[in-house]
N, C-alpha and C. Protein backbone atom coordinates (compact mmCIF):
# COMPACT_ATOMS: atom_id res chain seq x y z
N UNK A 1 -23.74 11.24 -18.07
CA UNK A 1 -22.35 11.45 -18.37
C UNK A 1 -21.47 10.88 -17.26
N UNK A 2 -21.85 11.13 -15.99
CA UNK A 2 -21.07 10.61 -14.88
C UNK A 2 -21.06 9.08 -14.87
N UNK A 3 -22.16 8.49 -15.30
CA UNK A 3 -22.23 7.03 -15.32
C UNK A 3 -21.22 6.46 -16.32
N UNK A 4 -21.09 7.08 -17.45
CA UNK A 4 -20.10 6.64 -18.43
C UNK A 4 -18.67 6.75 -17.92
N UNK A 5 -18.40 7.84 -17.21
CA UNK A 5 -17.07 8.02 -16.62
C UNK A 5 -16.81 6.96 -15.55
N UNK A 6 -17.81 6.70 -14.72
CA UNK A 6 -17.67 5.69 -13.67
C UNK A 6 -17.43 4.31 -14.26
N UNK A 7 -18.16 3.97 -15.31
CA UNK A 7 -17.99 2.67 -15.96
C UNK A 7 -16.60 2.58 -16.61
N UNK A 8 -16.18 3.66 -17.25
CA UNK A 8 -14.84 3.67 -17.86
C UNK A 8 -13.73 3.49 -16.83
N UNK A 9 -13.85 4.18 -15.70
CA UNK A 9 -12.86 4.02 -14.64
C UNK A 9 -12.88 2.60 -14.07
N UNK A 10 -14.07 2.04 -13.92
CA UNK A 10 -14.18 0.68 -13.40
C UNK A 10 -13.55 -0.33 -14.37
N UNK A 11 -13.73 -0.11 -15.66
CA UNK A 11 -13.11 -1.01 -16.64
C UNK A 11 -11.59 -0.87 -16.64
N UNK A 12 -11.10 0.34 -16.49
CA UNK A 12 -9.66 0.57 -16.41
C UNK A 12 -9.09 -0.09 -15.16
N UNK A 13 -9.84 -0.04 -14.06
CA UNK A 13 -9.44 -0.73 -12.83
C UNK A 13 -9.39 -2.24 -13.07
N UNK A 14 -10.38 -2.77 -13.75
CA UNK A 14 -10.41 -4.21 -14.02
C UNK A 14 -9.23 -4.65 -14.88
N UNK A 15 -8.76 -3.78 -15.75
CA UNK A 15 -7.59 -4.10 -16.57
C UNK A 15 -6.31 -4.06 -15.74
N UNK A 16 -6.18 -3.07 -14.86
CA UNK A 16 -4.95 -2.90 -14.08
C UNK A 16 -4.86 -3.81 -12.85
N UNK A 17 -5.97 -4.31 -12.35
CA UNK A 17 -5.97 -5.10 -11.12
C UNK A 17 -5.08 -6.34 -11.21
N UNK A 18 -5.14 -7.16 -12.27
CA UNK A 18 -4.24 -8.32 -12.33
C UNK A 18 -2.77 -7.92 -12.37
N UNK A 19 -2.45 -6.84 -13.05
CA UNK A 19 -1.06 -6.36 -13.08
C UNK A 19 -0.60 -5.97 -11.68
N UNK A 20 -1.43 -5.26 -10.97
CA UNK A 20 -1.09 -4.82 -9.61
C UNK A 20 -0.89 -6.02 -8.68
N UNK A 21 -1.82 -6.97 -8.71
CA UNK A 21 -1.70 -8.15 -7.86
C UNK A 21 -0.49 -8.98 -8.25
N UNK A 22 -0.24 -9.11 -9.53
CA UNK A 22 0.91 -9.88 -10.00
C UNK A 22 2.23 -9.27 -9.56
N UNK A 23 2.34 -7.95 -9.63
CA UNK A 23 3.57 -7.29 -9.19
C UNK A 23 3.79 -7.48 -7.69
N UNK A 24 2.73 -7.36 -6.92
CA UNK A 24 2.85 -7.52 -5.47
C UNK A 24 3.20 -8.96 -5.11
N UNK A 25 2.50 -9.92 -5.71
CA UNK A 25 2.76 -11.32 -5.41
C UNK A 25 4.15 -11.76 -5.86
N UNK A 26 4.56 -11.31 -7.03
CA UNK A 26 5.87 -11.69 -7.54
C UNK A 26 6.98 -11.09 -6.70
N UNK A 27 6.82 -9.86 -6.27
CA UNK A 27 7.88 -9.23 -5.48
C UNK A 27 8.03 -9.91 -4.11
N UNK A 28 6.92 -10.33 -3.48
CA UNK A 28 7.04 -11.03 -2.21
C UNK A 28 7.61 -12.42 -2.42
N UNK A 29 7.29 -13.06 -3.55
CA UNK A 29 7.84 -14.37 -3.86
C UNK A 29 9.35 -14.30 -4.05
N UNK A 30 9.81 -13.29 -4.78
CA UNK A 30 11.25 -13.12 -5.00
C UNK A 30 11.95 -12.77 -3.69
N UNK A 31 11.32 -11.96 -2.85
CA UNK A 31 11.91 -11.63 -1.56
C UNK A 31 12.06 -12.88 -0.70
N UNK A 32 11.08 -13.79 -0.75
CA UNK A 32 11.18 -15.05 0.00
C UNK A 32 12.27 -15.93 -0.59
N UNK A 33 12.41 -15.89 -1.90
CA UNK A 33 13.41 -16.72 -2.56
C UNK A 33 14.83 -16.24 -2.24
N UNK A 34 15.02 -14.94 -2.11
CA UNK A 34 16.34 -14.36 -1.84
C UNK A 34 16.71 -14.50 -0.36
N UNK A 35 15.73 -14.63 0.50
CA UNK A 35 15.99 -14.74 1.94
C UNK A 35 16.75 -16.02 2.23
N UNK A 36 17.61 -15.98 3.24
CA UNK A 36 18.34 -17.20 3.61
C UNK A 36 17.38 -18.32 4.03
N UNK A 37 17.75 -19.54 3.71
CA UNK A 37 16.88 -20.69 3.98
C UNK A 37 16.74 -20.96 5.47
N UNK A 38 17.72 -20.61 6.26
CA UNK A 38 17.67 -20.90 7.70
C UNK A 38 17.07 -19.76 8.52
N UNK A 39 16.35 -18.87 7.87
CA UNK A 39 15.72 -17.75 8.57
C UNK A 39 14.56 -18.28 9.42
N UNK A 40 14.58 -17.96 10.70
CA UNK A 40 13.51 -18.41 11.60
C UNK A 40 12.28 -17.54 11.41
N UNK A 41 11.12 -18.12 11.66
CA UNK A 41 9.87 -17.36 11.58
C UNK A 41 9.78 -16.41 12.76
N UNK A 42 9.35 -15.20 12.50
CA UNK A 42 9.19 -14.22 13.57
C UNK A 42 9.11 -12.82 13.00
N UNK A 43 9.15 -11.85 13.89
CA UNK A 43 9.03 -10.44 13.46
C UNK A 43 10.22 -10.01 12.62
N UNK A 44 11.40 -10.48 12.96
CA UNK A 44 12.59 -10.09 12.20
C UNK A 44 12.51 -10.61 10.78
N UNK A 45 12.04 -11.83 10.61
CA UNK A 45 11.90 -12.41 9.27
C UNK A 45 10.85 -11.64 8.46
N UNK A 46 9.76 -11.25 9.10
CA UNK A 46 8.72 -10.49 8.40
C UNK A 46 9.25 -9.14 7.95
N UNK A 47 10.01 -8.48 8.81
CA UNK A 47 10.59 -7.19 8.45
C UNK A 47 11.59 -7.35 7.30
N UNK A 48 12.38 -8.43 7.34
CA UNK A 48 13.34 -8.69 6.27
C UNK A 48 12.63 -8.88 4.93
N UNK A 49 11.52 -9.62 4.94
CA UNK A 49 10.75 -9.82 3.71
C UNK A 49 10.12 -8.53 3.21
N UNK A 50 9.63 -7.70 4.13
CA UNK A 50 9.04 -6.42 3.72
C UNK A 50 10.09 -5.51 3.10
N UNK A 51 11.30 -5.51 3.69
CA UNK A 51 12.37 -4.69 3.12
C UNK A 51 12.80 -5.22 1.76
N UNK A 52 12.84 -6.54 1.62
CA UNK A 52 13.18 -7.13 0.32
C UNK A 52 12.14 -6.81 -0.73
N UNK A 53 10.88 -6.86 -0.35
CA UNK A 53 9.81 -6.54 -1.28
C UNK A 53 9.86 -5.06 -1.65
N UNK A 54 10.12 -4.20 -0.69
CA UNK A 54 10.19 -2.76 -0.98
C UNK A 54 11.36 -2.45 -1.92
N UNK A 55 12.47 -3.16 -1.74
CA UNK A 55 13.61 -2.94 -2.62
C UNK A 55 13.31 -3.37 -4.05
N UNK A 56 12.55 -4.45 -4.20
CA UNK A 56 12.20 -4.93 -5.54
C UNK A 56 11.18 -4.03 -6.23
N UNK A 57 10.32 -3.39 -5.45
CA UNK A 57 9.27 -2.55 -6.02
C UNK A 57 9.67 -1.07 -6.04
N UNK A 58 10.96 -0.79 -5.94
CA UNK A 58 11.42 0.60 -5.93
C UNK A 58 11.17 1.24 -7.30
N UNK A 59 10.87 2.52 -7.28
CA UNK A 59 10.65 3.26 -8.52
C UNK A 59 9.19 3.27 -8.92
N UNK A 60 8.95 3.24 -10.23
CA UNK A 60 7.58 3.37 -10.73
C UNK A 60 6.73 2.15 -10.40
N UNK A 61 7.34 1.00 -10.15
CA UNK A 61 6.56 -0.19 -9.82
C UNK A 61 5.76 -0.02 -8.54
N UNK A 62 6.28 0.77 -7.62
CA UNK A 62 5.56 0.96 -6.36
C UNK A 62 4.30 1.79 -6.54
N UNK A 63 4.22 2.51 -7.64
CA UNK A 63 3.04 3.35 -7.90
C UNK A 63 1.88 2.57 -8.51
N UNK A 64 2.14 1.42 -9.10
CA UNK A 64 1.08 0.68 -9.80
C UNK A 64 -0.05 0.27 -8.84
N UNK A 65 0.23 -0.36 -7.68
CA UNK A 65 -0.89 -0.69 -6.78
C UNK A 65 -1.63 0.55 -6.27
N UNK A 66 -0.90 1.63 -5.99
CA UNK A 66 -1.52 2.87 -5.53
C UNK A 66 -2.45 3.44 -6.59
N UNK A 67 -1.99 3.48 -7.83
CA UNK A 67 -2.80 4.03 -8.91
C UNK A 67 -4.03 3.15 -9.16
N UNK A 68 -3.84 1.83 -9.07
CA UNK A 68 -4.96 0.91 -9.29
C UNK A 68 -6.07 1.16 -8.28
N UNK A 69 -5.72 1.24 -7.01
CA UNK A 69 -6.76 1.46 -6.00
C UNK A 69 -7.31 2.88 -6.04
N UNK A 70 -6.51 3.85 -6.47
CA UNK A 70 -7.02 5.21 -6.65
C UNK A 70 -8.08 5.26 -7.74
N UNK A 71 -7.85 4.51 -8.82
CA UNK A 71 -8.84 4.45 -9.90
C UNK A 71 -10.13 3.81 -9.41
N UNK A 72 -10.01 2.75 -8.61
CA UNK A 72 -11.21 2.10 -8.07
C UNK A 72 -12.03 3.07 -7.22
N UNK A 73 -11.37 3.76 -6.28
CA UNK A 73 -12.10 4.67 -5.42
C UNK A 73 -12.63 5.88 -6.19
N UNK A 74 -11.93 6.31 -7.23
CA UNK A 74 -12.45 7.39 -8.08
C UNK A 74 -13.72 6.95 -8.79
N UNK A 75 -13.74 5.71 -9.23
CA UNK A 75 -14.92 5.18 -9.88
C UNK A 75 -16.11 5.15 -8.92
N UNK A 76 -15.86 4.74 -7.69
CA UNK A 76 -16.94 4.70 -6.70
C UNK A 76 -17.45 6.11 -6.40
N UNK A 77 -16.57 7.06 -6.27
CA UNK A 77 -16.96 8.44 -5.97
C UNK A 77 -17.79 9.03 -7.12
N UNK A 78 -17.33 8.80 -8.35
CA UNK A 78 -18.08 9.30 -9.51
C UNK A 78 -19.45 8.62 -9.59
N UNK A 79 -19.52 7.34 -9.25
CA UNK A 79 -20.82 6.64 -9.24
C UNK A 79 -21.75 7.24 -8.20
N UNK A 80 -21.24 7.65 -7.05
CA UNK A 80 -22.08 8.31 -6.05
C UNK A 80 -22.60 9.64 -6.56
N UNK A 81 -21.79 10.37 -7.34
CA UNK A 81 -22.27 11.60 -7.95
C UNK A 81 -23.40 11.31 -8.92
N UNK A 82 -23.31 10.19 -9.63
CA UNK A 82 -24.36 9.80 -10.56
C UNK A 82 -25.65 9.51 -9.82
N UNK A 83 -25.54 8.75 -8.74
CA UNK A 83 -26.72 8.40 -7.96
C UNK A 83 -27.30 9.66 -7.27
N UNK A 84 -26.42 10.51 -6.76
CA UNK A 84 -26.87 11.71 -6.07
C UNK A 84 -27.50 12.73 -6.99
N UNK A 85 -27.16 12.69 -8.28
CA UNK A 85 -27.69 13.64 -9.22
C UNK A 85 -29.07 13.30 -9.75
N UNK A 86 -29.54 12.09 -9.49
CA UNK A 86 -30.86 11.68 -9.96
C UNK A 86 -31.95 12.34 -9.09
N UNK A 87 -33.03 12.68 -9.73
CA UNK A 87 -34.14 13.26 -9.01
C UNK A 87 -35.28 12.25 -8.96
N UNK A 88 -35.81 12.05 -7.78
CA UNK A 88 -36.88 11.07 -7.60
C UNK A 88 -38.22 11.75 -7.55
């Protein structure tokens, strides 16, 4: 039973992973696009991009990467229960 749950969670993770990566990549791309063209490379520019990305991912969008990785780790934990429950 645990094996079925672990496989189901892993499949759900595989479905959500491209969405999570796409949201993260798109938000950083838009943050770079909105940034001024004459911005010098450095710590200030990195912080500006992080703030821009955080503003774009505000609300429920910020939960998608968290939920995706939570599902992955839940799948791994349930799989360990499956392996630990076997008797040799």
